[in-house]
Amino acid sequence: MALSKDERESFLAEPHIAALSVSAGDGRGPLTVPIWYQYTPGGDLWFTTGAGSRKHLLIQSSGYVSLMVDR
């Protein structure tokens, strides 16, 4: 069952730990790490990572990530 937009925003605004995945390059599995995030309904998803970290460099190179949030 799919969540409505309001249900999805309410769920994401609850405190959860997410799993962030980003491509690690051709022939390699993605880098997948647990990450804290912040979200306010109607706003942008927000998370931080250390400047120059492997995660930061891969996100910068790839230009996109996947985020899995679970209860």
C-alpha atoms as a PDB file:
ATOM      1  CA  MET A   1       0.000   0.000   0.000  1.00  0.00           C
ATOM      2  CA  ALA A   2       1.450   3.353  -1.039  1.00  0.00           C
ATOM      3  CA  LEU A   3       1.476   6.252   1.385  1.00  0.00           C
ATOM      4  CA  SER A   4      -0.231   9.511   0.531  1.00  0.00           C
ATOM      5  CA  LYS A   5       1.950  12.622   0.292  1.00  0.00           C
ATOM      6  CA  ASP A   6       0.827  13.738   3.779  1.00  0.00           C
ATOM      7  CA  GLU A   7       1.463  10.271   5.271  1.00  0.00           C
ATOM      8  CA  ARG A   8       4.899  10.108   3.628  1.00  0.00           C
ATOM      9  CA  GLU A   9       5.868  13.571   4.897  1.00  0.00           C
ATOM     10  CA  SER A  10       4.661  12.748   8.423  1.00  0.00           C
ATOM     11  CA  PHE A  11       6.623   9.469   8.418  1.00  0.00           C
ATOM     12  CA  LEU A  12       9.814  11.142   7.187  1.00  0.00           C
ATOM     13  CA  ALA A  13       9.480  13.863   9.853  1.00  0.00           C
ATOM     14  CA  GLU A  14       9.623  11.220  12.625  1.00  0.00           C
ATOM     15  CA  PRO A  15      13.068  10.426  14.072  1.00  0.00           C
ATOM     16  CA  HIS A  16      14.556   7.543  12.079  1.00  0.00           C
ATOM     17  CA  ILE A  17      17.998   6.429  10.981  1.00  0.00           C
ATOM     18  CA  ALA A  18      18.259   6.006   7.234  1.00  0.00           C
ATOM     19  CA  ALA A  19      20.541   4.001   4.961  1.00  0.00           C
ATOM     20  CA  LEU A  20      22.174   6.190   2.327  1.00  0.00           C
ATOM     21  CA  SER A  21      23.543   4.551  -0.830  1.00  0.00           C
ATOM     22  CA  VAL A  22      25.673   6.156  -3.507  1.00  0.00           C
ATOM     23  CA  SER A  23      27.391   4.665  -6.542  1.00  0.00           C
ATOM     24  CA  ALA A  24      30.984   3.652  -5.836  1.00  0.00           C
ATOM     25  CA  GLY A  25      31.886   3.401  -9.537  1.00  0.00           C
ATOM     26  CA  ASP A  26      31.803   0.872 -12.340  1.00  0.00           C
ATOM     27  CA  GLY A  27      32.169  -2.722 -11.257  1.00  0.00           C
ATOM     28  CA  ARG A  28      31.689  -1.909  -7.573  1.00  0.00           C
ATOM     29  CA  GLY A  29      28.699  -2.198  -5.307  1.00  0.00           C
ATOM     30  CA  PRO A  30      27.301   1.028  -3.891  1.00  0.00           C
ATOM     31  CA  LEU A  31      28.624   2.570  -0.703  1.00  0.00           C
ATOM     32  CA  THR A  32      25.779   2.103   1.789  1.00  0.00           C
ATOM     33  CA  VAL A  33      25.984   3.660   5.246  1.00  0.00           C
ATOM     34  CA  PRO A  34      23.604   4.473   8.100  1.00  0.00           C
ATOM     35  CA  ILE A  35      22.947   8.184   8.406  1.00  0.00           C
ATOM     36  CA  TRP A  36      20.894  10.556  10.537  1.00  0.00           C
ATOM     37  CA  TYR A  37      18.730  12.946   8.567  1.00  0.00           C
ATOM     38  CA  GLN A  38      16.289  15.760   9.250  1.00  0.00           C
ATOM     39  CA  TYR A  39      13.063  16.523   7.440  1.00  0.00           C
ATOM     40  CA  THR A  40      10.259  19.032   7.958  1.00  0.00           C
ATOM     41  CA  PRO A  41       7.022  18.356   6.032  1.00  0.00           C
ATOM     42  CA  GLY A  42       6.997  20.420   2.843  1.00  0.00           C
ATOM     43  CA  GLY A  43      10.727  21.098   3.113  1.00  0.00           C
ATOM     44  CA  ASP A  44      13.945  19.509   1.912  1.00  0.00           C
ATOM     45  CA  LEU A  45      15.608  16.422   3.342  1.00  0.00           C
ATOM     46  CA  TRP A  46      18.827  17.369   5.142  1.00  0.00           C
ATOM     47  CA  PHE A  47      21.895  15.351   6.167  1.00  0.00           C
ATOM     48  CA  THR A  48      25.574  16.075   6.669  1.00  0.00           C
ATOM     49  CA  THR A  49      28.814  14.322   5.891  1.00  0.00           C
ATOM     50  CA  GLY A  50      32.429  15.279   6.416  1.00  0.00           C
ATOM     51  CA  ALA A  51      34.000  17.421   3.713  1.00  0.00           C
ATOM     52  CA  GLY A  52      36.432  15.304   1.716  1.00  0.00           C
ATOM     53  CA  SER A  53      35.113  12.015   3.115  1.00  0.00           C
ATOM     54  CA  ARG A  54      34.655   9.084   0.731  1.00  0.00           C
ATOM     55  CA  LYS A  55      30.889   9.499   1.043  1.00  0.00           C
ATOM     56  CA  HIS A  56      31.119  13.215   0.211  1.00  0.00           C
ATOM     57  CA  LEU A  57      33.365  12.631  -2.805  1.00  0.00           C
ATOM     58  CA  LEU A  58      31.123   9.851  -4.176  1.00  0.00           C
ATOM     59  CA  ILE A  59      27.985  11.975  -3.752  1.00  0.00           C
ATOM     60  CA  GLN A  60      29.704  14.887  -5.469  1.00  0.00           C
ATOM     61  CA  SER A  61      30.871  12.641  -8.327  1.00  0.00           C
ATOM     62  CA  SER A  62      27.573  10.807  -8.784  1.00  0.00           C
ATOM     63  CA  GLY A  63      25.234  13.748  -8.246  1.00  0.00           C
ATOM     64  CA  TYR A  64      22.541  11.625  -6.608  1.00  0.00           C
ATOM     65  CA  VAL A  65      21.889   9.209  -3.723  1.00  0.00           C
ATOM     66  CA  SER A  66      19.273   6.722  -2.620  1.00  0.00           C
ATOM     67  CA  LEU A  67      17.889   6.931   0.898  1.00  0.00           C
ATOM     68  CA  MET A  68      16.019   4.097   2.592  1.00  0.00           C
ATOM     69  CA  VAL A  69      14.088   4.997   5.737  1.00  0.00           C
ATOM     70  CA  ASP A  70      12.567   2.298   7.908  1.00  0.00           C
ATOM     71  CA  ARG A  71      10.912   2.061  11.262  1.00  0.00           C
END
